[in-house]
Amino acid sequence: MFYTYSQQWLLDRQDILRERQADLKVLTEEEYQKIMIFFANLIQVLGEALKVRQQVIATATVYFKRFYARNSLKAIDPLLMSPTCIFLASKVEEFGVISNTRLISTCQNVIKNKFQYAYASEFPYRIQNILECEFYLLEMMDCCLILFHPYRPLMQYAADLAKEESGQGSETVLQLSWRIVNDSLRTDLPLLYPPFMIALACLHMACVIQQKDCKQWFAELSVDMDKILEITKHILALYELWKSYDEKKEINAILPKMPKPKTSPSRFFPFMMY
């Protein structure tokens, strides 16, 4: 199963950039990244409001990234795709089906109360829009829905490291690395590297921050440290962007530049028009 996952959904950086060319004609690379961060934040807030597990939120975020790794932003409105990904992820991760009424009312409340700085009007979609969007999402992913996240390997690696270091400071390192894994969802890393390597990179970063000497432990893993450092650079680039990115002030100017889906006059629905 992991072989299939690796072959189909671990992409090359150049392939991702090539697929984004249509969007990057009207957006800078930085603006595109800020849009992706914004919608990852929206998925996070929606998931928390719906009281789903973090794994459901992570799966939804990766679904979202997968879709736009293969499609332009104008294919389907990301504001519609975000709750659709949560809706599908909650079923795949066996959290339980979120009721139609609760999903729409939560979207309306979240947009009105948490994201009013980005959207002046109400959430414009209805459950039939989300159900149709879910069909396109399933079709695009070729029903390859099972995801592997860094959380499980992270816990295994952290437990092994704690055993090696007699448990000193292990809980703090695990908590910090877990937060870094969550932050990595705001990058392209889930599309580029296998989950176990993301877990190791986040654990390595946490050890460095906590000034915990883990060189010998990593050396014994025989892992490609160049790859670990590549992942680290992606996460550090995110943190560098966050230093100067004020989402509430900036996103209002960026969203109008985003390529918009074509609309069909006969239907209240912006969708893929081929």
C-alpha atoms as a PDB file:
ATOM      1  CA  MET A   1       0.000   0.000   0.000  1.00  0.00           C
ATOM      2  CA  PHE A   2       2.792   2.453   0.897  1.00  0.00           C
ATOM      3  CA  TYR A   3       4.480   1.631  -2.438  1.00  0.00           C
ATOM      4  CA  THR A   4       1.327   2.750  -4.274  1.00  0.00           C
ATOM      5  CA  TYR A   5       1.117   5.867  -2.117  1.00  0.00           C
ATOM      6  CA  SER A   6       4.753   6.703  -2.876  1.00  0.00           C
ATOM      7  CA  GLN A   7       4.446   6.133  -6.591  1.00  0.00           C
ATOM      8  CA  GLN A   8       1.255   8.099  -7.087  1.00  0.00           C
ATOM      9  CA  TRP A   9       1.398  10.896  -4.521  1.00  0.00           C
ATOM     10  CA  LEU A  10       5.010  11.742  -3.813  1.00  0.00           C
ATOM     11  CA  LEU A  11       5.606  14.337  -6.469  1.00  0.00           C
ATOM     12  CA  ASP A  12       8.632  16.099  -7.850  1.00  0.00           C
ATOM     13  CA  ARG A  13       9.050  19.793  -6.994  1.00  0.00           C
ATOM     14  CA  GLN A  14       9.378  20.687 -10.675  1.00  0.00           C
ATOM     15  CA  ASP A  15       6.161  18.813 -11.511  1.00  0.00           C
ATOM     16  CA  ILE A  16       4.298  20.789  -8.838  1.00  0.00           C
ATOM     17  CA  LEU A  17       5.618  24.105 -10.144  1.00  0.00           C
ATOM     18  CA  ARG A  18       4.722  23.138 -13.716  1.00  0.00           C
ATOM     19  CA  GLU A  19       1.131  22.402 -12.708  1.00  0.00           C
ATOM     20  CA  ARG A  20       0.944  25.806 -10.978  1.00  0.00           C
ATOM     21  CA  GLN A  21       2.050  27.806 -13.985  1.00  0.00           C
ATOM     22  CA  ALA A  22      -1.473  28.980 -14.846  1.00  0.00           C
ATOM     23  CA  ASP A  23      -1.942  30.320 -11.302  1.00  0.00           C
ATOM     24  CA  LEU A  24       1.561  31.808 -11.146  1.00  0.00           C
ATOM     25  CA  LYS A  25       0.781  33.940 -14.193  1.00  0.00           C
ATOM     26  CA  VAL A  26      -1.452  36.081 -11.977  1.00  0.00           C
ATOM     27  CA  LEU A  27       0.024  35.322  -8.536  1.00  0.00           C
ATOM     28  CA  THR A  28       3.577  35.425  -7.261  1.00  0.00           C
ATOM     29  CA  GLU A  29       4.963  32.255  -5.667  1.00  0.00           C
ATOM     30  CA  GLU A  30       4.730  33.973  -2.272  1.00  0.00           C
ATOM     31  CA  GLU A  31       1.099  34.992  -2.838  1.00  0.00           C
ATOM     32  CA  TYR A  32       0.278  31.426  -3.852  1.00  0.00           C
ATOM     33  CA  GLN A  33       1.871  30.114  -0.658  1.00  0.00           C
ATOM     34  CA  LYS A  34      -0.075  32.637   1.410  1.00  0.00           C
ATOM     35  CA  ILE A  35      -3.330  31.460  -0.198  1.00  0.00           C
ATOM     36  CA  MET A  36      -2.446  27.844   0.623  1.00  0.00           C
ATOM     37  CA  ILE A  37      -1.650  28.831   4.231  1.00  0.00           C
ATOM     38  CA  PHE A  38      -4.944  30.711   4.473  1.00  0.00           C
ATOM     39  CA  PHE A  39      -7.028  27.729   3.365  1.00  0.00           C
ATOM     40  CA  ALA A  40      -5.038  25.321   5.554  1.00  0.00           C
ATOM     41  CA  ASN A  41      -5.909  27.641   8.451  1.00  0.00           C
ATOM     42  CA  LEU A  42      -9.549  27.623   7.347  1.00  0.00           C
ATOM     43  CA  ILE A  43      -9.585  23.806   7.292  1.00  0.00           C
ATOM     44  CA  GLN A  44      -8.007  23.775  10.765  1.00  0.00           C
ATOM     45  CA  VAL A  45     -10.620  26.146  12.193  1.00  0.00           C
ATOM     46  CA  LEU A  46     -13.488  24.274  10.506  1.00  0.00           C
ATOM     47  CA  GLY A  47     -12.182  20.979  11.882  1.00  0.00           C
ATOM     48  CA  GLU A  48     -11.874  22.370  15.393  1.00  0.00           C
ATOM     49  CA  ALA A  49     -15.377  23.849  15.206  1.00  0.00           C
ATOM     50  CA  LEU A  50     -16.701  20.450  14.101  1.00  0.00           C
ATOM     51  CA  LYS A  51     -14.697  18.812  16.927  1.00  0.00           C
ATOM     52  CA  VAL A  52     -12.937  16.307  14.670  1.00  0.00           C
ATOM     53  CA  ARG A  53      -9.563  14.765  15.542  1.00  0.00           C
ATOM     54  CA  GLN A  54      -6.326  16.366  14.352  1.00  0.00           C
ATOM     55  CA  GLN A  55      -5.763  13.378  12.059  1.00  0.00           C
ATOM     56  CA  VAL A  56      -9.010  14.229  10.228  1.00  0.00           C
ATOM     57  CA  ILE A  57      -7.814  17.828   9.802  1.00  0.00           C
ATOM     58  CA  ALA A  58      -4.422  16.609   8.546  1.00  0.00           C
ATOM     59  CA  THR A  59      -6.076  14.248   6.034  1.00  0.00           C
ATOM     60  CA  ALA A  60      -8.380  17.030   4.818  1.00  0.00           C
ATOM     61  CA  THR A  61      -5.431  19.380   4.381  1.00  0.00           C
ATOM     62  CA  VAL A  62      -3.491  16.812   2.339  1.00  0.00           C
ATOM     63  CA  TYR A  63      -6.578  16.115   0.175  1.00  0.00           C
ATOM     64  CA  PHE A  64      -6.783  19.860  -0.455  1.00  0.00           C
ATOM     65  CA  LYS A  65      -3.112  19.996  -1.426  1.00  0.00           C
ATOM     66  CA  ARG A  66      -3.409  16.963  -3.668  1.00  0.00           C
ATOM     67  CA  PHE A  67      -6.293  18.490  -5.575  1.00  0.00           C
ATOM     68  CA  TYR A  68      -4.507  21.781  -6.253  1.00  0.00           C
ATOM     69  CA  ALA A  69      -1.249  19.990  -7.032  1.00  0.00           C
ATOM     70  CA  ARG A  70      -3.045  18.644 -10.102  1.00  0.00           C
ATOM     71  CA  ASN A  71      -5.498  21.497 -10.756  1.00  0.00           C
ATOM     72  CA  SER A  72      -5.531  25.268 -11.008  1.00  0.00           C
ATOM     73  CA  LEU A  73      -7.195  27.340  -8.304  1.00  0.00           C
ATOM     74  CA  LYS A  74      -9.808  28.229 -10.911  1.00  0.00           C
ATOM     75  CA  ALA A  75     -10.915  24.593 -11.251  1.00  0.00           C
ATOM     76  CA  ILE A  76     -13.000  24.709  -8.060  1.00  0.00           C
ATOM     77  CA  ASP A  77     -13.329  27.520  -5.547  1.00  0.00           C
ATOM     78  CA  PRO A  78     -11.013  26.664  -2.591  1.00  0.00           C
ATOM     79  CA  LEU A  79     -13.710  28.038  -0.273  1.00  0.00           C
ATOM     80  CA  LEU A  80     -15.882  25.122  -1.428  1.00  0.00           C
ATOM     81  CA  MET A  81     -13.068  22.581  -1.544  1.00  0.00           C
ATOM     82  CA  SER A  82     -12.064  23.237   2.103  1.00  0.00           C
ATOM     83  CA  PRO A  83     -15.258  21.920   3.800  1.00  0.00           C
ATOM     84  CA  THR A  84     -15.531  19.197   1.145  1.00  0.00           C
ATOM     85  CA  CYS A  85     -12.120  17.864   2.199  1.00  0.00           C
ATOM     86  CA  ILE A  86     -13.173  17.893   5.872  1.00  0.00           C
ATOM     87  CA  PHE A  87     -16.433  16.139   4.958  1.00  0.00           C
ATOM     88  CA  LEU A  88     -14.616  13.362   3.056  1.00  0.00           C
ATOM     89  CA  ALA A  89     -11.743  13.036   5.555  1.00  0.00           C
ATOM     90  CA  SER A  90     -14.156  12.551   8.468  1.00  0.00           C
ATOM     91  CA  LYS A  91     -15.554   9.486   6.694  1.00  0.00           C
ATOM     92  CA  VAL A  92     -12.225   8.053   5.574  1.00  0.00           C
ATOM     93  CA  GLU A  93     -10.703   8.449   9.037  1.00  0.00           C
ATOM     94  CA  GLU A  94     -13.803   6.782  10.530  1.00  0.00           C
ATOM     95  CA  PHE A  95     -14.680   9.784  12.653  1.00  0.00           C
ATOM     96  CA  GLY A  96     -18.252   9.487  11.490  1.00  0.00           C
ATOM     97  CA  VAL A  97     -20.355  11.258   8.910  1.00  0.00           C
ATOM     98  CA  ILE A  98     -20.879  14.925   9.704  1.00  0.00           C
ATOM     99  CA  SER A  99     -24.538  15.802   9.248  1.00  0.00           C
ATOM    100  CA  ASN A 100     -25.353  18.006   6.269  1.00  0.00           C
ATOM    101  CA  THR A 101     -27.055  20.652   8.404  1.00  0.00           C
ATOM    102  CA  ARG A 102     -24.191  20.818  10.910  1.00  0.00           C
ATOM    103  CA  LEU A 103     -21.573  21.092   8.188  1.00  0.00           C
ATOM    104  CA  ILE A 104     -23.255  24.012   6.428  1.00  0.00           C
ATOM    105  CA  SER A 105     -24.159  25.852   9.635  1.00  0.00           C
ATOM    106  CA  THR A 106     -20.573  25.465  10.887  1.00  0.00           C
ATOM    107  CA  CYS A 107     -19.203  26.825   7.588  1.00  0.00           C
ATOM    108  CA  GLN A 108     -21.548  29.798   7.850  1.00  0.00           C
ATOM    109  CA  ASN A 109     -20.595  30.502  11.479  1.00  0.00           C
ATOM    110  CA  VAL A 110     -16.858  30.132  10.892  1.00  0.00           C
ATOM    111  CA  ILE A 111     -16.848  32.437   7.853  1.00  0.00           C
ATOM    112  CA  LYS A 112     -19.010  34.992   9.645  1.00  0.00           C
ATOM    113  CA  ASN A 113     -17.196  34.982  12.985  1.00  0.00           C
ATOM    114  CA  LYS A 114     -13.614  33.899  12.259  1.00  0.00           C
ATOM    115  CA  PHE A 115     -12.896  34.922   8.673  1.00  0.00           C
ATOM    116  CA  GLN A 116     -14.922  38.085   8.228  1.00  0.00           C
ATOM    117  CA  TYR A 117     -11.657  39.881   7.412  1.00  0.00           C
ATOM    118  CA  ALA A 118     -11.467  37.801   4.210  1.00  0.00           C
ATOM    119  CA  TYR A 119     -15.124  37.355   3.234  1.00  0.00           C
ATOM    120  CA  ALA A 120     -17.644  40.141   3.565  1.00  0.00           C
ATOM    121  CA  SER A 121     -20.558  37.975   2.424  1.00  0.00           C
ATOM    122  CA  GLU A 122     -21.934  34.739   3.854  1.00  0.00           C
ATOM    123  CA  PHE A 123     -20.713  31.253   2.956  1.00  0.00           C
ATOM    124  CA  PRO A 124     -22.300  30.915  -0.508  1.00  0.00           C
ATOM    125  CA  TYR A 125     -22.562  27.134  -0.897  1.00  0.00           C
ATOM    126  CA  ARG A 126     -25.119  24.493   0.011  1.00  0.00           C
ATOM    127  CA  ILE A 127     -24.804  20.799   0.766  1.00  0.00           C
ATOM    128  CA  GLN A 128     -25.548  19.770  -2.837  1.00  0.00           C
ATOM    129  CA  ASN A 129     -22.509  21.808  -3.907  1.00  0.00           C
ATOM    130  CA  ILE A 130     -20.298  19.997  -1.392  1.00  0.00           C
ATOM    131  CA  LEU A 131     -21.631  16.594  -2.472  1.00  0.00           C
ATOM    132  CA  GLU A 132     -20.889  17.335  -6.114  1.00  0.00           C
ATOM    133  CA  CYS A 133     -17.475  18.726  -5.209  1.00  0.00           C
ATOM    134  CA  GLU A 134     -16.768  15.536  -3.249  1.00  0.00           C
ATOM    135  CA  PHE A 135     -17.407  13.527  -6.418  1.00  0.00           C
ATOM    136  CA  TYR A 136     -14.764  15.533  -8.331  1.00  0.00           C
ATOM    137  CA  LEU A 137     -12.308  15.188  -5.447  1.00  0.00           C
ATOM    138  CA  LEU A 138     -12.791  11.402  -5.342  1.00  0.00           C
ATOM    139  CA  GLU A 139     -12.407  11.162  -9.105  1.00  0.00           C
ATOM    140  CA  MET A 140      -9.210  13.244  -9.127  1.00  0.00           C
ATOM    141  CA  MET A 141      -7.618  11.160  -6.361  1.00  0.00           C
ATOM    142  CA  ASP A 142      -8.642   7.971  -8.167  1.00  0.00           C
ATOM    143  CA  CYS A 143     -10.220   6.868  -4.865  1.00  0.00           C
ATOM    144  CA  CYS A 144      -6.720   6.654  -3.321  1.00  0.00           C
ATOM    145  CA  LEU A 145      -7.957   7.908   0.054  1.00  0.00           C
ATOM    146  CA  ILE A 146      -5.868   6.177   2.715  1.00  0.00           C
ATOM    147  CA  LEU A 147      -3.137   8.508   3.975  1.00  0.00           C
ATOM    148  CA  PHE A 148      -0.022   7.949   6.037  1.00  0.00           C
ATOM    149  CA  HIS A 149       0.803  10.864   8.326  1.00  0.00           C
ATOM    150  CA  PRO A 150       4.008  11.644  10.239  1.00  0.00           C
ATOM    151  CA  TYR A 151       2.264  11.355  13.633  1.00  0.00           C
ATOM    152  CA  ARG A 152       2.613   7.603  14.145  1.00  0.00           C
ATOM    153  CA  PRO A 153       6.288   7.316  13.082  1.00  0.00           C
ATOM    154  CA  LEU A 154       6.999  10.455  15.124  1.00  0.00           C
ATOM    155  CA  MET A 155       5.689   8.802  18.292  1.00  0.00           C
ATOM    156  CA  GLN A 156       7.704   5.646  17.570  1.00  0.00           C
ATOM    157  CA  TYR A 157      10.907   7.576  16.890  1.00  0.00           C
ATOM    158  CA  ALA A 158      10.397   9.828  19.918  1.00  0.00           C
ATOM    159  CA  ALA A 159       9.853   6.786  22.152  1.00  0.00           C
ATOM    160  CA  ASP A 160      13.037   5.173  20.826  1.00  0.00           C
ATOM    161  CA  LEU A 161      15.009   8.396  21.320  1.00  0.00           C
ATOM    162  CA  ALA A 162      13.651   8.753  24.872  1.00  0.00           C
ATOM    163  CA  LYS A 163      14.766   5.198  25.665  1.00  0.00           C
ATOM    164  CA  GLU A 164      18.228   6.024  24.345  1.00  0.00           C
ATOM    165  CA  GLU A 165      18.404   9.228  26.390  1.00  0.00           C
ATOM    166  CA  SER A 166      16.807   7.769  29.555  1.00  0.00           C
ATOM    167  CA  GLY A 167      13.639   9.793  28.925  1.00  0.00           C
ATOM    168  CA  GLN A 168      15.132  13.178  29.836  1.00  0.00           C
ATOM    169  CA  GLY A 169      13.066  15.965  28.273  1.00  0.00           C
ATOM    170  CA  SER A 170      11.390  13.471  25.910  1.00  0.00           C
ATOM    171  CA  GLU A 171       7.840  14.763  26.478  1.00  0.00           C
ATOM    172  CA  THR A 172       8.847  18.332  25.635  1.00  0.00           C
ATOM    173  CA  VAL A 173      10.652  17.197  22.480  1.00  0.00           C
ATOM    174  CA  LEU A 174       7.623  15.141  21.379  1.00  0.00           C
ATOM    175  CA  GLN A 175       5.189  18.022  21.960  1.00  0.00           C
ATOM    176  CA  LEU A 176       7.390  20.473  20.058  1.00  0.00           C
ATOM    177  CA  SER A 177       8.010  18.115  17.152  1.00  0.00           C
ATOM    178  CA  TRP A 178       4.257  17.372  16.998  1.00  0.00           C
ATOM    179  CA  ARG A 179       3.569  21.108  16.605  1.00  0.00           C
ATOM    180  CA  ILE A 180       6.199  21.320  13.870  1.00  0.00           C
ATOM    181  CA  VAL A 181       4.500  18.417  12.049  1.00  0.00           C
ATOM    182  CA  ASN A 182       1.218  20.362  12.214  1.00  0.00           C
ATOM    183  CA  ASP A 183       3.002  23.439  10.827  1.00  0.00           C
ATOM    184  CA  SER A 184       4.461  21.356   7.981  1.00  0.00           C
ATOM    185  CA  LEU A 185       0.905  20.927   6.651  1.00  0.00           C
ATOM    186  CA  ARG A 186       1.157  24.586   5.560  1.00  0.00           C
ATOM    187  CA  THR A 187       3.957  23.648   3.140  1.00  0.00           C
ATOM    188  CA  ASP A 188       4.294  21.361   0.105  1.00  0.00           C
ATOM    189  CA  LEU A 189       6.101  18.753   2.211  1.00  0.00           C
ATOM    190  CA  PRO A 190       3.202  16.215   2.290  1.00  0.00           C
ATOM    191  CA  LEU A 191       3.416  16.146  -1.515  1.00  0.00           C
ATOM    192  CA  LEU A 192       7.206  15.807  -1.676  1.00  0.00           C
ATOM    193  CA  TYR A 193       8.467  13.497   1.080  1.00  0.00           C
ATOM    194  CA  PRO A 194       7.331  10.297   2.807  1.00  0.00           C
ATOM    195  CA  PRO A 195       5.752  10.786   6.249  1.00  0.00           C
ATOM    196  CA  PHE A 196       8.543   9.045   8.190  1.00  0.00           C
ATOM    197  CA  MET A 197      11.113  11.508   6.831  1.00  0.00           C
ATOM    198  CA  ILE A 198       8.935  14.496   7.747  1.00  0.00           C
ATOM    199  CA  ALA A 199       8.605  13.005  11.235  1.00  0.00           C
ATOM    200  CA  LEU A 200      12.387  12.647  11.546  1.00  0.00           C
ATOM    201  CA  ALA A 201      13.016  16.182  10.313  1.00  0.00           C
ATOM    202  CA  CYS A 202      10.516  17.617  12.817  1.00  0.00           C
ATOM    203  CA  LEU A 203      12.044  15.541  15.611  1.00  0.00           C
ATOM    204  CA  HIS A 204      15.520  16.730  14.603  1.00  0.00           C
ATOM    205  CA  MET A 205      14.359  20.360  14.653  1.00  0.00           C
ATOM    206  CA  ALA A 206      12.798  19.898  18.096  1.00  0.00           C
ATOM    207  CA  CYS A 207      16.019  18.382  19.424  1.00  0.00           C
ATOM    208  CA  VAL A 208      18.066  21.293  18.073  1.00  0.00           C
ATOM    209  CA  ILE A 209      15.655  23.839  19.584  1.00  0.00           C
ATOM    210  CA  GLN A 210      15.750  22.020  22.924  1.00  0.00           C
ATOM    211  CA  GLN A 211      19.555  21.714  22.650  1.00  0.00           C
ATOM    212  CA  LYS A 212      19.293  17.943  22.907  1.00  0.00           C
ATOM    213  CA  ASP A 213      22.234  16.052  21.417  1.00  0.00           C
ATOM    214  CA  CYS A 214      20.765  13.473  19.037  1.00  0.00           C
ATOM    215  CA  LYS A 215      23.657  13.106  16.537  1.00  0.00           C
ATOM    216  CA  GLN A 216      24.527   9.567  17.557  1.00  0.00           C
ATOM    217  CA  TRP A 217      20.892   8.433  17.501  1.00  0.00           C
ATOM    218  CA  PHE A 218      20.382   9.819  13.980  1.00  0.00           C
ATOM    219  CA  ALA A 219      23.688   8.322  12.827  1.00  0.00           C
ATOM    220  CA  GLU A 220      22.513   4.881  13.901  1.00  0.00           C
ATOM    221  CA  LEU A 221      19.317   5.276  11.858  1.00  0.00           C
ATOM    222  CA  SER A 222      21.306   5.381   8.605  1.00  0.00           C
ATOM    223  CA  VAL A 223      18.841   7.931   7.277  1.00  0.00           C
ATOM    224  CA  ASP A 224      19.672  10.323   4.422  1.00  0.00           C
ATOM    225  CA  MET A 225      20.479  13.473   6.407  1.00  0.00           C
ATOM    226  CA  ASP A 226      20.560  15.548   3.219  1.00  0.00           C
ATOM    227  CA  LYS A 227      16.845  14.810   2.790  1.00  0.00           C
ATOM    228  CA  ILE A 228      16.216  15.649   6.442  1.00  0.00           C
ATOM    229  CA  LEU A 229      17.944  19.004   5.944  1.00  0.00           C
ATOM    230  CA  GLU A 230      15.921  19.668   2.764  1.00  0.00           C
ATOM    231  CA  ILE A 231      12.710  19.161   4.741  1.00  0.00           C
ATOM    232  CA  THR A 232      14.050  21.383   7.512  1.00  0.00           C
ATOM    233  CA  LYS A 233      14.720  24.167   4.983  1.00  0.00           C
ATOM    234  CA  HIS A 234      11.094  23.994   3.792  1.00  0.00           C
ATOM    235  CA  ILE A 235       9.818  24.384   7.362  1.00  0.00           C
ATOM    236  CA  LEU A 236      12.277  27.181   8.172  1.00  0.00           C
ATOM    237  CA  ALA A 237      11.144  28.986   4.995  1.00  0.00           C
ATOM    238  CA  LEU A 238       7.568  28.761   6.285  1.00  0.00           C
ATOM    239  CA  TYR A 239       8.578  30.251   9.645  1.00  0.00           C
ATOM    240  CA  GLU A 240      10.483  33.010   7.854  1.00  0.00           C
ATOM    241  CA  LEU A 241       7.373  33.821   5.783  1.00  0.00           C
ATOM    242  CA  TRP A 242       5.211  33.852   8.919  1.00  0.00           C
ATOM    243  CA  LYS A 243       7.450  36.478  10.517  1.00  0.00           C
ATOM    244  CA  SER A 244       6.301  39.129   8.052  1.00  0.00           C
ATOM    245  CA  TYR A 245       2.907  37.715   7.024  1.00  0.00           C
ATOM    246  CA  ASP A 246      -0.075  39.387   8.644  1.00  0.00           C
ATOM    247  CA  GLU A 247      -2.915  37.290   7.218  1.00  0.00           C
ATOM    248  CA  LYS A 248      -5.728  39.534   8.434  1.00  0.00           C
ATOM    249  CA  LYS A 249      -4.196  42.557   6.728  1.00  0.00           C
ATOM    250  CA  GLU A 250      -2.850  40.915   3.556  1.00  0.00           C
ATOM    251  CA  ILE A 251      -5.267  38.196   2.471  1.00  0.00           C
ATOM    252  CA  ASN A 252      -7.969  40.691   1.513  1.00  0.00           C
ATOM    253  CA  ALA A 253      -5.718  42.030  -1.238  1.00  0.00           C
ATOM    254  CA  ILE A 254      -4.512  38.582  -2.362  1.00  0.00           C
ATOM    255  CA  LEU A 255      -7.810  36.661  -2.663  1.00  0.00           C
ATOM    256  CA  PRO A 256      -9.263  38.953  -5.384  1.00  0.00           C
ATOM    257  CA  LYS A 257      -6.197  38.181  -7.535  1.00  0.00           C
ATOM    258  CA  MET A 258      -6.820  34.438  -7.272  1.00  0.00           C
ATOM    259  CA  PRO A 259      -8.024  32.834 -10.539  1.00  0.00           C
ATOM    260  CA  LYS A 260     -11.788  32.349 -10.305  1.00  0.00           C
ATOM    261  CA  PRO A 261     -13.803  29.350 -11.501  1.00  0.00           C
ATOM    262  CA  LYS A 262     -16.008  29.844 -14.529  1.00  0.00           C
ATOM    263  CA  THR A 263     -19.656  30.027 -13.636  1.00  0.00           C
ATOM    264  CA  SER A 264     -22.503  28.334 -15.424  1.00  0.00           C
ATOM    265  CA  PRO A 265     -25.527  30.654 -15.806  1.00  0.00           C
ATOM    266  CA  SER A 266     -27.911  27.723 -15.479  1.00  0.00           C
ATOM    267  CA  ARG A 267     -26.521  26.559 -12.133  1.00  0.00           C
ATOM    268  CA  PHE A 268     -25.466  28.227  -8.900  1.00  0.00           C
ATOM    269  CA  PHE A 269     -22.108  26.551  -9.014  1.00  0.00           C
ATOM    270  CA  PRO A 270     -18.606  27.432 -10.144  1.00  0.00           C
ATOM    271  CA  PHE A 271     -17.123  24.205 -11.423  1.00  0.00           C
ATOM    272  CA  MET A 272     -14.641  22.561 -13.710  1.00  0.00           C
ATOM    273  CA  MET A 273     -15.451  23.610 -17.235  1.00  0.00           C
ATOM    274  CA  TYR A 274     -13.443  21.595 -19.776  1.00  0.00           C
END
